[in-house]
C-alpha atoms as a PDB file:
ATOM      1  CA  UNK A   1      15.309   8.781 -22.494  1.00  0.00           C
ATOM      2  CA  UNK A   2      12.882  11.318 -21.005  1.00  0.00           C
ATOM      3  CA  UNK A   3      10.219   8.613 -20.701  1.00  0.00           C
ATOM      4  CA  UNK A   4      12.643   6.269 -18.955  1.00  0.00           C
ATOM      5  CA  UNK A   5      13.572   8.969 -16.429  1.00  0.00           C
ATOM      6  CA  UNK A   6       9.874   9.626 -15.726  1.00  0.00           C
ATOM      7  CA  UNK A   7       9.275   5.879 -15.305  1.00  0.00           C
ATOM      8  CA  UNK A   8      12.260   5.523 -12.975  1.00  0.00           C
ATOM      9  CA  UNK A   9      10.994   8.383 -10.815  1.00  0.00           C
ATOM     10  CA  UNK A  10       7.505   6.876 -10.871  1.00  0.00           C
ATOM     11  CA  UNK A  11       8.926   3.499  -9.861  1.00  0.00           C
ATOM     12  CA  UNK A  12      10.856   5.117  -7.026  1.00  0.00           C
ATOM     13  CA  UNK A  13       7.796   6.959  -5.739  1.00  0.00           C
ATOM     14  CA  UNK A  14       5.518   3.944  -6.150  1.00  0.00           C
ATOM     15  CA  UNK A  15       7.896   1.673  -4.244  1.00  0.00           C
ATOM     16  CA  UNK A  16       8.304   4.210  -1.440  1.00  0.00           C
ATOM     17  CA  UNK A  17       4.532   4.197  -1.069  1.00  0.00           C
ATOM     18  CA  UNK A  18       4.229   0.420  -1.437  1.00  0.00           C
ATOM     19  CA  UNK A  19       6.991  -0.347   1.033  1.00  0.00           C
ATOM     20  CA  UNK A  20       5.512   2.062   3.578  1.00  0.00           C
ATOM     21  CA  UNK A  21       1.839   1.137   3.131  1.00  0.00           C
ATOM     22  CA  UNK A  22       2.069  -2.437   1.887  1.00  0.00           C
ATOM     23  CA  UNK A  23       0.162  -1.422  -1.239  1.00  0.00           C
ATOM     24  CA  UNK A  24      -0.114   0.803  -4.313  1.00  0.00           C
ATOM     25  CA  UNK A  25       3.031   0.004  -6.388  1.00  0.00           C
ATOM     26  CA  UNK A  26       1.057  -1.751  -9.109  1.00  0.00           C
ATOM     27  CA  UNK A  27      -1.921   0.603  -8.918  1.00  0.00           C
ATOM     28  CA  UNK A  28       0.285   3.697  -9.163  1.00  0.00           C
ATOM     29  CA  UNK A  29       2.567   2.371 -11.913  1.00  0.00           C
ATOM     30  CA  UNK A  30      -0.246   0.921 -14.024  1.00  0.00           C
ATOM     31  CA  UNK A  31      -2.170   4.183 -13.790  1.00  0.00           C
ATOM     32  CA  UNK A  32       0.881   5.991 -15.190  1.00  0.00           C
ATOM     33  CA  UNK A  33       1.319   3.521 -18.065  1.00  0.00           C
ATOM     34  CA  UNK A  34      -2.359   3.796 -18.983  1.00  0.00           C
ATOM     35  CA  UNK A  35      -1.951   7.580 -19.033  1.00  0.00           C
ATOM     36  CA  UNK A  36       0.843   7.019 -21.589  1.00  0.00           C
ATOM     37  CA  UNK A  37      -1.683   5.159 -23.786  1.00  0.00           C
ATOM     38  CA  UNK A  38      -0.352   1.652 -23.128  1.00  0.00           C
ATOM     39  CA  UNK A  39      -2.550  -1.371 -23.848  1.00  0.00           C
ATOM     40  CA  UNK A  40      -4.113  -2.491 -20.515  1.00  0.00           C
ATOM     41  CA  UNK A  41      -2.800  -6.059 -20.686  1.00  0.00           C
ATOM     42  CA  UNK A  42       0.655  -4.844 -21.724  1.00  0.00           C
ATOM     43  CA  UNK A  43       0.623  -2.239 -18.938  1.00  0.00           C
ATOM     44  CA  UNK A  44      -0.184  -4.858 -16.298  1.00  0.00           C
ATOM     45  CA  UNK A  45       2.408  -7.246 -17.748  1.00  0.00           C
ATOM     46  CA  UNK A  46       5.115  -4.539 -17.794  1.00  0.00           C
ATOM     47  CA  UNK A  47       4.401  -3.561 -14.196  1.00  0.00           C
ATOM     48  CA  UNK A  48       4.440  -7.181 -13.010  1.00  0.00           C
ATOM     49  CA  UNK A  49       7.799  -7.830 -14.656  1.00  0.00           C
ATOM     50  CA  UNK A  50       9.197  -4.807 -12.838  1.00  0.00           C
ATOM     51  CA  UNK A  51       7.609  -6.048  -9.617  1.00  0.00           C
ATOM     52  CA  UNK A  52       9.571  -9.302  -9.746  1.00  0.00           C
ATOM     53  CA  UNK A  53      12.710  -7.335  -8.943  1.00  0.00           C
ATOM     54  CA  UNK A  54      11.202  -4.691  -6.685  1.00  0.00           C
ATOM     55  CA  UNK A  55       9.240  -7.183  -4.567  1.00  0.00           C
ATOM     56  CA  UNK A  56      12.333  -9.371  -4.187  1.00  0.00           C
ATOM     57  CA  UNK A  57      14.430  -6.431  -3.012  1.00  0.00           C
ATOM     58  CA  UNK A  58      11.601  -5.192  -0.806  1.00  0.00           C
ATOM     59  CA  UNK A  59      11.196  -8.655   0.755  1.00  0.00           C
ATOM     60  CA  UNK A  60      14.882  -8.879   1.584  1.00  0.00           C
ATOM     61  CA  UNK A  61      14.842  -5.393   3.112  1.00  0.00           C
ATOM     62  CA  UNK A  62      11.758  -6.135   5.221  1.00  0.00           C
ATOM     63  CA  UNK A  63      13.310  -9.423   6.343  1.00  0.00           C
ATOM     64  CA  UNK A  64      16.458  -7.589   7.453  1.00  0.00           C
ATOM     65  CA  UNK A  65      14.313  -5.214   9.536  1.00  0.00           C
ATOM     66  CA  UNK A  66      12.329  -8.110  11.054  1.00  0.00           C
ATOM     67  CA  UNK A  67       9.058  -7.211   9.331  1.00  0.00           C
ATOM     68  CA  UNK A  68       8.221 -10.639   7.810  1.00  0.00           C
ATOM     69  CA  UNK A  69       6.096 -13.561   9.068  1.00  0.00           C
ATOM     70  CA  UNK A  70       7.149 -16.411   6.767  1.00  0.00           C
ATOM     71  CA  UNK A  71       4.159 -18.610   7.649  1.00  0.00           C
ATOM     72  CA  UNK A  72       1.821 -15.885   6.442  1.00  0.00           C
ATOM     73  CA  UNK A  73       3.935 -15.387   3.310  1.00  0.00           C
ATOM     74  CA  UNK A  74       3.522 -19.056   2.375  1.00  0.00           C
ATOM     75  CA  UNK A  75      -0.184 -19.300   3.233  1.00  0.00           C
ATOM     76  CA  UNK A  76      -1.200 -16.201   1.296  1.00  0.00           C
ATOM     77  CA  UNK A  77       1.507 -16.100  -1.406  1.00  0.00           C
ATOM     78  CA  UNK A  78       0.966 -19.441  -3.163  1.00  0.00           C
ATOM     79  CA  UNK A  79      -2.826 -19.052  -3.533  1.00  0.00           C
ATOM     80  CA  UNK A  80      -2.117 -15.494  -4.658  1.00  0.00           C
ATOM     81  CA  UNK A  81       0.172 -16.814  -7.388  1.00  0.00           C
ATOM     82  CA  UNK A  82      -2.612 -19.086  -8.685  1.00  0.00           C
ATOM     83  CA  UNK A  83      -5.098 -16.193  -8.738  1.00  0.00           C
ATOM     84  CA  UNK A  84      -2.600 -13.933 -10.537  1.00  0.00           C
ATOM     85  CA  UNK A  85      -1.868 -16.544 -13.228  1.00  0.00           C
ATOM     86  CA  UNK A  86      -5.585 -16.957 -13.954  1.00  0.00           C
ATOM     87  CA  UNK A  87      -6.159 -13.182 -13.874  1.00  0.00           C
ATOM     88  CA  UNK A  88      -3.407 -12.597 -16.430  1.00  0.00           C
ATOM     89  CA  UNK A  89      -5.144 -14.933 -18.890  1.00  0.00           C
ATOM     90  CA  UNK A  90      -8.524 -13.272 -18.296  1.00  0.00           C
ATOM     91  CA  UNK A  91      -7.187  -9.758 -18.930  1.00  0.00           C
ATOM     92  CA  UNK A  92      -5.253 -10.853 -22.017  1.00  0.00           C
ATOM     93  CA  UNK A  93      -8.437 -12.260 -23.571  1.00  0.00           C
ATOM     94  CA  UNK A  94     -10.314  -8.931 -23.383  1.00  0.00           C
ATOM     95  CA  UNK A  95     -10.238  -6.420 -26.224  1.00  0.00           C
ATOM     96  CA  UNK A  96      -8.496  -3.094 -25.623  1.00  0.00           C
ATOM     97  CA  UNK A  97     -11.797  -1.179 -25.932  1.00  0.00           C
ATOM     98  CA  UNK A  98     -13.287  -3.247 -23.113  1.00  0.00           C
ATOM     99  CA  UNK A  99     -10.135  -3.745 -21.029  1.00  0.00           C
ATOM    100  CA  UNK A 100      -9.158  -0.060 -20.685  1.00  0.00           C
ATOM    101  CA  UNK A 101     -12.347   1.133 -18.953  1.00  0.00           C
ATOM    102  CA  UNK A 102     -12.597  -2.092 -16.947  1.00  0.00           C
ATOM    103  CA  UNK A 103      -9.069  -1.656 -15.592  1.00  0.00           C
ATOM    104  CA  UNK A 104      -9.666   2.027 -14.871  1.00  0.00           C
ATOM    105  CA  UNK A 105     -12.843   1.123 -12.998  1.00  0.00           C
ATOM    106  CA  UNK A 106     -10.949  -1.415 -10.868  1.00  0.00           C
ATOM    107  CA  UNK A 107      -8.162   1.079 -10.189  1.00  0.00           C
ATOM    108  CA  UNK A 108     -10.688   3.814  -9.372  1.00  0.00           C
ATOM    109  CA  UNK A 109     -12.393   1.494  -6.879  1.00  0.00           C
ATOM    110  CA  UNK A 110      -9.056   0.705  -5.258  1.00  0.00           C
ATOM    111  CA  UNK A 111      -8.244   4.414  -5.087  1.00  0.00           C
ATOM    112  CA  UNK A 112     -11.542   5.132  -3.332  1.00  0.00           C
ATOM    113  CA  UNK A 113     -10.822   2.296  -0.938  1.00  0.00           C
ATOM    114  CA  UNK A 114      -7.386   3.699  -0.147  1.00  0.00           C
ATOM    115  CA  UNK A 115      -8.773   7.150   0.634  1.00  0.00           C
ATOM    116  CA  UNK A 116     -11.604   5.836   2.805  1.00  0.00           C
ATOM    117  CA  UNK A 117      -9.417   3.253   4.522  1.00  0.00           C
ATOM    118  CA  UNK A 118      -6.607   5.583   5.517  1.00  0.00           C
ATOM    119  CA  UNK A 119      -8.662   8.739   6.070  1.00  0.00           C
ATOM    120  CA  UNK A 120     -11.444   7.384   8.258  1.00  0.00           C
ATOM    121  CA  UNK A 121     -10.428   4.085   9.791  1.00  0.00           C
ATOM    122  CA  UNK A 122      -7.969   3.033  12.460  1.00  0.00           C
ATOM    123  CA  UNK A 123      -6.591  -0.402  13.294  1.00  0.00           C
ATOM    124  CA  UNK A 124      -8.361  -2.889  15.543  1.00  0.00           C
ATOM    125  CA  UNK A 125      -5.685  -4.303  17.882  1.00  0.00           C
ATOM    126  CA  UNK A 126      -7.857  -6.576  20.060  1.00  0.00           C
ATOM    127  CA  UNK A 127      -6.669  -9.769  18.330  1.00  0.00           C
ATOM    128  CA  UNK A 128      -3.031  -8.668  17.980  1.00  0.00           C
ATOM    129  CA  UNK A 129      -0.627 -11.627  18.312  1.00  0.00           C
ATOM    130  CA  UNK A 130      -3.124 -14.375  17.439  1.00  0.00           C
ATOM    131  CA  UNK A 131      -2.092 -16.557  14.465  1.00  0.00           C
ATOM    132  CA  UNK A 132      -3.774 -15.780  11.138  1.00  0.00           C
ATOM    133  CA  UNK A 133      -5.951 -18.659   9.982  1.00  0.00           C
ATOM    134  CA  UNK A 134      -5.219 -20.605   6.808  1.00  0.00           C
ATOM    135  CA  UNK A 135      -8.911 -20.764   5.844  1.00  0.00           C
ATOM    136  CA  UNK A 136      -8.815 -16.964   5.819  1.00  0.00           C
ATOM    137  CA  UNK A 137      -5.419 -16.476   4.155  1.00  0.00           C
ATOM    138  CA  UNK A 138      -5.868 -18.880   1.213  1.00  0.00           C
ATOM    139  CA  UNK A 139      -9.102 -17.335  -0.190  1.00  0.00           C
ATOM    140  CA  UNK A 140      -7.697 -13.867   0.498  1.00  0.00           C
ATOM    141  CA  UNK A 141      -4.586 -14.639  -1.540  1.00  0.00           C
ATOM    142  CA  UNK A 142      -6.608 -16.157  -4.386  1.00  0.00           C
ATOM    143  CA  UNK A 143      -8.897 -13.125  -4.723  1.00  0.00           C
ATOM    144  CA  UNK A 144      -6.112 -10.561  -4.216  1.00  0.00           C
ATOM    145  CA  UNK A 145      -3.901 -12.250  -6.816  1.00  0.00           C
ATOM    146  CA  UNK A 146      -6.717 -12.303  -9.392  1.00  0.00           C
ATOM    147  CA  UNK A 147      -7.546  -8.627  -8.813  1.00  0.00           C
ATOM    148  CA  UNK A 148      -3.850  -7.753  -8.960  1.00  0.00           C
ATOM    149  CA  UNK A 149      -3.364  -9.247 -12.430  1.00  0.00           C
ATOM    150  CA  UNK A 150      -6.618  -8.022 -13.968  1.00  0.00           C
ATOM    151  CA  UNK A 151      -6.381  -4.525 -12.485  1.00  0.00           C
ATOM    152  CA  UNK A 152      -2.636  -4.023 -12.852  1.00  0.00           C
ATOM    153  CA  UNK A 153      -2.485  -3.748  -9.079  1.00  0.00           C
ATOM    154  CA  UNK A 154      -4.490  -4.833  -6.085  1.00  0.00           C
ATOM    155  CA  UNK A 155      -2.401  -7.322  -4.156  1.00  0.00           C
ATOM    156  CA  UNK A 156      -1.629  -4.760  -1.476  1.00  0.00           C
ATOM    157  CA  UNK A 157      -4.941  -2.836  -1.493  1.00  0.00           C
ATOM    158  CA  UNK A 158      -6.854  -6.107  -1.023  1.00  0.00           C
ATOM    159  CA  UNK A 159      -4.406  -8.080   1.144  1.00  0.00           C
ATOM    160  CA  UNK A 160      -2.985  -5.450   3.487  1.00  0.00           C
ATOM    161  CA  UNK A 161      -6.270  -3.973   4.785  1.00  0.00           C
ATOM    162  CA  UNK A 162      -7.760  -7.458   5.233  1.00  0.00           C
ATOM    163  CA  UNK A 163      -4.848  -8.562   7.416  1.00  0.00           C
ATOM    164  CA  UNK A 164      -4.843  -5.256   9.296  1.00  0.00           C
ATOM    165  CA  UNK A 165      -8.579  -5.569   9.912  1.00  0.00           C
ATOM    166  CA  UNK A 166      -8.085  -9.033  11.425  1.00  0.00           C
ATOM    167  CA  UNK A 167      -5.987  -7.378  14.146  1.00  0.00           C
ATOM    168  CA  UNK A 168      -3.822 -10.512  14.496  1.00  0.00           C
ATOM    169  CA  UNK A 169      -0.524  -9.054  13.253  1.00  0.00           C
ATOM    170  CA  UNK A 170       1.541  -5.952  13.913  1.00  0.00           C
ATOM    171  CA  UNK A 171       1.091  -3.412  11.088  1.00  0.00           C
ATOM    172  CA  UNK A 172       4.791  -3.568  10.193  1.00  0.00           C
ATOM    173  CA  UNK A 173       4.607  -7.374   9.839  1.00  0.00           C
ATOM    174  CA  UNK A 174       1.469  -7.138   7.742  1.00  0.00           C
ATOM    175  CA  UNK A 175       3.216  -4.741   5.358  1.00  0.00           C
ATOM    176  CA  UNK A 176       6.448  -6.746   5.298  1.00  0.00           C
ATOM    177  CA  UNK A 177       4.686 -10.083   4.721  1.00  0.00           C
ATOM    178  CA  UNK A 178       2.410  -8.745   1.955  1.00  0.00           C
ATOM    179  CA  UNK A 179       5.352  -7.064   0.207  1.00  0.00           C
ATOM    180  CA  UNK A 180       7.438 -10.250   0.423  1.00  0.00           C
ATOM    181  CA  UNK A 181       4.696 -12.583  -0.836  1.00  0.00           C
ATOM    182  CA  UNK A 182       4.130 -10.224  -3.765  1.00  0.00           C
ATOM    183  CA  UNK A 183       7.233 -11.729  -5.370  1.00  0.00           C
ATOM    184  CA  UNK A 184       5.329 -14.998  -5.930  1.00  0.00           C
ATOM    185  CA  UNK A 185       2.321 -13.111  -7.306  1.00  0.00           C
ATOM    186  CA  UNK A 186       4.407 -10.994  -9.695  1.00  0.00           C
ATOM    187  CA  UNK A 187       6.279 -14.080 -10.923  1.00  0.00           C
ATOM    188  CA  UNK A 188       3.067 -16.023 -11.614  1.00  0.00           C
ATOM    189  CA  UNK A 189       1.341 -13.059 -13.295  1.00  0.00           C
ATOM    190  CA  UNK A 190       4.377 -12.428 -15.512  1.00  0.00           C
ATOM    191  CA  UNK A 191       4.409 -16.075 -16.563  1.00  0.00           C
ATOM    192  CA  UNK A 192       0.692 -15.887 -17.352  1.00  0.00           C
ATOM    193  CA  UNK A 193       1.154 -12.761 -19.478  1.00  0.00           C
ATOM    194  CA  UNK A 194       4.123 -14.296 -21.307  1.00  0.00           C
ATOM    195  CA  UNK A 195       2.064 -17.334 -22.244  1.00  0.00           C
ATOM    196  CA  UNK A 196      -0.987 -15.269 -23.243  1.00  0.00           C
ATOM    197  CA  UNK A 197       0.685 -12.281 -24.951  1.00  0.00           C
ATOM    198  CA  UNK A 198       4.162 -13.451 -25.874  1.00  0.00           C
ATOM    199  CA  UNK A 199       7.228 -11.313 -25.280  1.00  0.00           C
ATOM    200  CA  UNK A 200       6.253  -8.822 -28.013  1.00  0.00           C
ATOM    201  CA  UNK A 201       3.301  -7.643 -25.927  1.00  0.00           C
ATOM    202  CA  UNK A 202       5.516  -6.404 -23.076  1.00  0.00           C
ATOM    203  CA  UNK A 203       7.695  -3.294 -23.013  1.00  0.00           C
ATOM    204  CA  UNK A 204      10.792  -4.598 -21.224  1.00  0.00           C
ATOM    205  CA  UNK A 205      12.563  -1.226 -21.482  1.00  0.00           C
ATOM    206  CA  UNK A 206       9.749   0.449 -19.555  1.00  0.00           C
ATOM    207  CA  UNK A 207       9.786  -2.394 -17.043  1.00  0.00           C
ATOM    208  CA  UNK A 208      13.520  -1.745 -16.571  1.00  0.00           C
ATOM    209  CA  UNK A 209      12.833   1.944 -15.877  1.00  0.00           C
ATOM    210  CA  UNK A 210      10.219   1.105 -13.244  1.00  0.00           C
ATOM    211  CA  UNK A 211      12.518  -1.533 -11.770  1.00  0.00           C
ATOM    212  CA  UNK A 212      15.470   0.861 -11.470  1.00  0.00           C
ATOM    213  CA  UNK A 213      13.490   3.370  -9.432  1.00  0.00           C
ATOM    214  CA  UNK A 214      11.885   0.633  -7.329  1.00  0.00           C
ATOM    215  CA  UNK A 215      15.202  -0.980  -6.428  1.00  0.00           C
ATOM    216  CA  UNK A 216      16.509   2.314  -5.095  1.00  0.00           C
ATOM    217  CA  UNK A 217      13.378   2.909  -3.025  1.00  0.00           C
ATOM    218  CA  UNK A 218      12.824  -0.612  -1.595  1.00  0.00           C
ATOM    219  CA  UNK A 219      15.318  -0.508   1.316  1.00  0.00           C
ATOM    220  CA  UNK A 220      14.391   3.098   2.100  1.00  0.00           C
ATOM    221  CA  UNK A 221      10.701   2.186   2.273  1.00  0.00           C
ATOM    222  CA  UNK A 222      11.361  -0.741   4.621  1.00  0.00           C
ATOM    223  CA  UNK A 223      13.011   1.718   7.004  1.00  0.00           C
ATOM    224  CA  UNK A 224      10.367   4.411   6.510  1.00  0.00           C
ATOM    225  CA  UNK A 225       7.583   2.028   7.563  1.00  0.00           C
ATOM    226  CA  UNK A 226       8.537   2.931  11.149  1.00  0.00           C
ATOM    227  CA  UNK A 227       8.506   6.691  10.554  1.00  0.00           C
ATOM    228  CA  UNK A 228       6.050   7.818   7.833  1.00  0.00           C
ATOM    229  CA  UNK A 229       2.409   8.475   8.823  1.00  0.00           C
ATOM    230  CA  UNK A 230       0.508   5.892   6.717  1.00  0.00           C
ATOM    231  CA  UNK A 231      -2.850   7.660   7.096  1.00  0.00           C
ATOM    232  CA  UNK A 232      -1.642  10.767   5.283  1.00  0.00           C
ATOM    233  CA  UNK A 233       0.340   8.857   2.647  1.00  0.00           C
ATOM    234  CA  UNK A 234      -2.618   6.600   1.895  1.00  0.00           C
ATOM    235  CA  UNK A 235      -4.923   9.590   1.385  1.00  0.00           C
ATOM    236  CA  UNK A 236      -2.418  11.278  -0.922  1.00  0.00           C
ATOM    237  CA  UNK A 237      -1.890   8.228  -3.131  1.00  0.00           C
ATOM    238  CA  UNK A 238      -5.551   7.247  -3.187  1.00  0.00           C
ATOM    239  CA  UNK A 239      -6.590  10.724  -4.329  1.00  0.00           C
ATOM    240  CA  UNK A 240      -4.072  10.696  -7.169  1.00  0.00           C
ATOM    241  CA  UNK A 241      -5.331   7.297  -8.360  1.00  0.00           C
ATOM    242  CA  UNK A 242      -8.966   8.464  -8.217  1.00  0.00           C
ATOM    243  CA  UNK A 243      -8.219  11.619 -10.227  1.00  0.00           C
ATOM    244  CA  UNK A 244      -6.187   9.880 -12.948  1.00  0.00           C
ATOM    245  CA  UNK A 245      -8.603   7.007 -13.519  1.00  0.00           C
ATOM    246  CA  UNK A 246     -11.651   9.272 -13.359  1.00  0.00           C
ATOM    247  CA  UNK A 247     -10.181  11.181 -16.291  1.00  0.00           C
ATOM    248  CA  UNK A 248      -9.776   7.928 -18.226  1.00  0.00           C
ATOM    249  CA  UNK A 249     -13.352   6.825 -17.539  1.00  0.00           C
ATOM    250  CA  UNK A 250     -14.911  10.220 -18.298  1.00  0.00           C
ATOM    251  CA  UNK A 251     -13.154  10.277 -21.681  1.00  0.00           C
ATOM    252  CA  UNK A 252     -13.942   6.650 -22.531  1.00  0.00           C
ATOM    253  CA  UNK A 253     -16.703   5.494 -24.871  1.00  0.00           C
ATOM    254  CA  UNK A 254     -18.622   4.302 -21.813  1.00  0.00           C
ATOM    255  CA  UNK A 255     -19.271   7.872 -20.614  1.00  0.00           C
ATOM    256  CA  UNK A 256     -17.770  10.375 -23.090  1.00  0.00           C
ATOM    257  CA  UNK A 257     -18.564  13.308 -20.780  1.00  0.00           C
ATOM    258  CA  UNK A 258     -18.526  16.880 -22.039  1.00  0.00           C
ATOM    259  CA  UNK A 259     -15.856  19.332 -20.921  1.00  0.00           C
ATOM    260  CA  UNK A 260     -18.040  21.182 -18.342  1.00  0.00           C
ATOM    261  CA  UNK A 261     -19.048  17.871 -16.735  1.00  0.00           C
ATOM    262  CA  UNK A 262     -15.452  16.641 -16.592  1.00  0.00           C
ATOM    263  CA  UNK A 263     -14.161  19.871 -15.054  1.00  0.00           C
ATOM    264  CA  UNK A 264     -16.940  19.877 -12.460  1.00  0.00           C
ATOM    265  CA  UNK A 265     -16.074  16.288 -11.479  1.00  0.00           C
ATOM    266  CA  UNK A 266     -12.357  17.170 -11.265  1.00  0.00           C
ATOM    267  CA  UNK A 267     -13.137  20.133  -8.991  1.00  0.00           C
ATOM    268  CA  UNK A 268     -15.132  17.911  -6.629  1.00  0.00           C
ATOM    269  CA  UNK A 269     -12.343  15.314  -6.571  1.00  0.00           C
ATOM    270  CA  UNK A 270      -9.707  17.958  -5.767  1.00  0.00           C
ATOM    271  CA  UNK A 271     -11.824  19.380  -2.932  1.00  0.00           C
ATOM    272  CA  UNK A 272     -12.533  15.973  -1.371  1.00  0.00           C
ATOM    273  CA  UNK A 273      -8.896  14.929  -1.832  1.00  0.00           C
ATOM    274  CA  UNK A 274      -7.592  18.030  -0.031  1.00  0.00           C
ATOM    275  CA  UNK A 275     -10.072  17.549   2.814  1.00  0.00           C
ATOM    276  CA  UNK A 276      -9.064  13.896   3.172  1.00  0.00           C
ATOM    277  CA  UNK A 277      -5.360  14.724   3.400  1.00  0.00           C
ATOM    278  CA  UNK A 278      -5.938  17.439   6.004  1.00  0.00           C
ATOM    279  CA  UNK A 279      -8.190  15.171   8.065  1.00  0.00           C
ATOM    280  CA  UNK A 280      -5.653  12.315   7.886  1.00  0.00           C
ATOM    281  CA  UNK A 281      -2.870  14.550   9.126  1.00  0.00           C
ATOM    282  CA  UNK A 282      -4.949  15.950  11.994  1.00  0.00           C
ATOM    283  CA  UNK A 283      -6.110  12.485  13.013  1.00  0.00           C
ATOM    284  CA  UNK A 284      -2.552  11.182  12.936  1.00  0.00           C
ATOM    285  CA  UNK A 285      -1.394  14.032  15.213  1.00  0.00           C
ATOM    286  CA  UNK A 286      -4.340  13.432  17.552  1.00  0.00           C
ATOM    287  CA  UNK A 287      -3.617   9.688  17.775  1.00  0.00           C
ATOM    288  CA  UNK A 288       0.073  10.321  18.381  1.00  0.00           C
ATOM    289  CA  UNK A 289      -0.650  12.813  21.171  1.00  0.00           C
ATOM    290  CA  UNK A 290      -3.103  10.406  22.802  1.00  0.00           C
ATOM    291  CA  UNK A 291      -0.640   7.522  22.715  1.00  0.00           C
ATOM    292  CA  UNK A 292       2.122   9.692  24.157  1.00  0.00           C
ATOM    293  CA  UNK A 293      -0.211  10.717  26.987  1.00  0.00           C
ATOM    294  CA  UNK A 294      -1.147   7.062  27.609  1.00  0.00           C
ATOM    295  CA  UNK A 295       2.526   6.080  27.674  1.00  0.00           C
ATOM    296  CA  UNK A 296       3.288   8.909  30.100  1.00  0.00           C
ATOM    297  CA  UNK A 297       0.498   7.783  32.440  1.00  0.00           C
ATOM    298  CA  UNK A 298       1.647   4.153  32.252  1.00  0.00           C
ATOM    299  CA  UNK A 299       5.232   5.112  33.048  1.00  0.00           C
ATOM    300  CA  UNK A 300       4.116   7.234  36.007  1.00  0.00           C
ATOM    301  CA  UNK A 301       2.020   4.328  37.321  1.00  0.00           C
ATOM    302  CA  UNK A 302       4.975   1.954  36.980  1.00  0.00           C
ATOM    303  CA  UNK A 303       7.256   4.299  38.880  1.00  0.00           C
ATOM    304  CA  UNK A 304       4.633   4.612  41.630  1.00  0.00           C
ATOM    305  CA  UNK A 305       4.357   0.810  41.929  1.00  0.00           C
ATOM    306  CA  UNK A 306       8.150   0.407  42.040  1.00  0.00           C
ATOM    307  CA  UNK A 307       8.353   2.893  44.905  1.00  0.00           C
ATOM    308  CA  UNK A 308       5.524   1.360  46.933  1.00  0.00           C
ATOM    309  CA  UNK A 309       6.806  -0.479  50.001  1.00  0.00           C
ATOM    310  CA  UNK A 310      10.293   1.036  49.794  1.00  0.00           C
ATOM    311  CA  UNK A 311       9.855   4.754  50.170  1.00  0.00           C
ATOM    312  CA  UNK A 312       7.465   7.385  49.064  1.00  0.00           C
ATOM    313  CA  UNK A 313       8.119   8.942  45.696  1.00  0.00           C
ATOM    314  CA  UNK A 314       8.124  12.721  45.826  1.00  0.00           C
ATOM    315  CA  UNK A 315       5.728  14.360  43.426  1.00  0.00           C
ATOM    316  CA  UNK A 316       7.287  15.092  40.068  1.00  0.00           C
ATOM    317  CA  UNK A 317       8.090  18.689  39.391  1.00  0.00           C
ATOM    318  CA  UNK A 318       7.632  20.408  36.035  1.00  0.00           C
ATOM    319  CA  UNK A 319      11.164  19.556  34.881  1.00  0.00           C
ATOM    320  CA  UNK A 320      10.662  15.837  35.593  1.00  0.00           C
ATOM    321  CA  UNK A 321       7.426  15.773  33.629  1.00  0.00           C
ATOM    322  CA  UNK A 322       9.003  17.617  30.704  1.00  0.00           C
ATOM    323  CA  UNK A 323      11.955  15.176  30.627  1.00  0.00           C
ATOM    324  CA  UNK A 324       9.610  12.198  30.652  1.00  0.00           C
ATOM    325  CA  UNK A 325       7.456  13.653  27.890  1.00  0.00           C
ATOM    326  CA  UNK A 326      10.516  14.255  25.728  1.00  0.00           C
ATOM    327  CA  UNK A 327      11.790  10.706  26.228  1.00  0.00           C
ATOM    328  CA  UNK A 328       8.427   9.182  25.371  1.00  0.00           C
ATOM    329  CA  UNK A 329       7.480  11.557  22.590  1.00  0.00           C
ATOM    330  CA  UNK A 330      10.836  11.432  20.799  1.00  0.00           C
ATOM    331  CA  UNK A 331      10.190  10.164  17.299  1.00  0.00           C
ATOM    332  CA  UNK A 332       7.051   8.387  16.227  1.00  0.00           C
ATOM    333  CA  UNK A 333       5.316   6.046  18.720  1.00  0.00           C
ATOM    334  CA  UNK A 334       6.143   2.401  18.097  1.00  0.00           C
ATOM    335  CA  UNK A 335       2.556   1.358  17.412  1.00  0.00           C
ATOM    336  CA  UNK A 336       0.351   4.313  16.494  1.00  0.00           C
ATOM    337  CA  UNK A 337      -3.214   3.837  15.371  1.00  0.00           C
ATOM    338  CA  UNK A 338      -2.515   4.464  11.721  1.00  0.00           C
END
């Protein structure tokens, strides 16, 4: 029972992150199952079975909030399903001794990507509104689906940043579309694992625990996508994934590091992780202040244009400026550079 409660809480936290960032449910959940000593293929299979329910609920919630582009879902989701089915067979054919470090290496790489992506980079909005191209979406889905099945996660970490980097979609629609299409990927991966492993290779009780927490979090995450600073959340999650999978690799037969070496590596990871989180938070506050100032200037210019030709607009006093700043700065800006 204690394990199920831990899994439910992990599923809740992972889905809150995934629904807000468009990534990290599978990476976070699989990392936890590997820490429990689960076989890598069984861990990925268990997580993907849970994701069938969580991604379906998340897709419905994002659709209700208007966060889904169905054309993108179709163009990236079906190739992603093919890649996930193939990836499930590849992972199932590897021995546990080989698969465990391989999966940890993939997860570690994704964790590093998350930290770098959300700590250092913003979003290029120059192509915002242009349709995403099929010749870009199909290969992206194929690769992301394969990585997702073999690494126990990766659909979001590969797909979401690629679509964000294209600058052709609003961030909320990127997240909503990737989360919705993940249903097809999870379904195909689960089918591939069932064929390759059989039902005895999957812990359905653990999948149920992850699913229960994820179902609770899915609608909350779809709402939070408008309010939570993704830069800071991405740095937090990425650091946790790096730390956990570094421990697995350092203790594996590949490295088998001594205690002093392991502790020194952990200390460096903690220091870099803390610095990344602090930097992400400061950058988020700086971006938000800049966008509020830009909005204030644009509103003042609009008011000046409206008054031109009719009557002169008296200069705003301190109270007027304060009122305008409060109205613009209330809540999070609608499109911050996350």
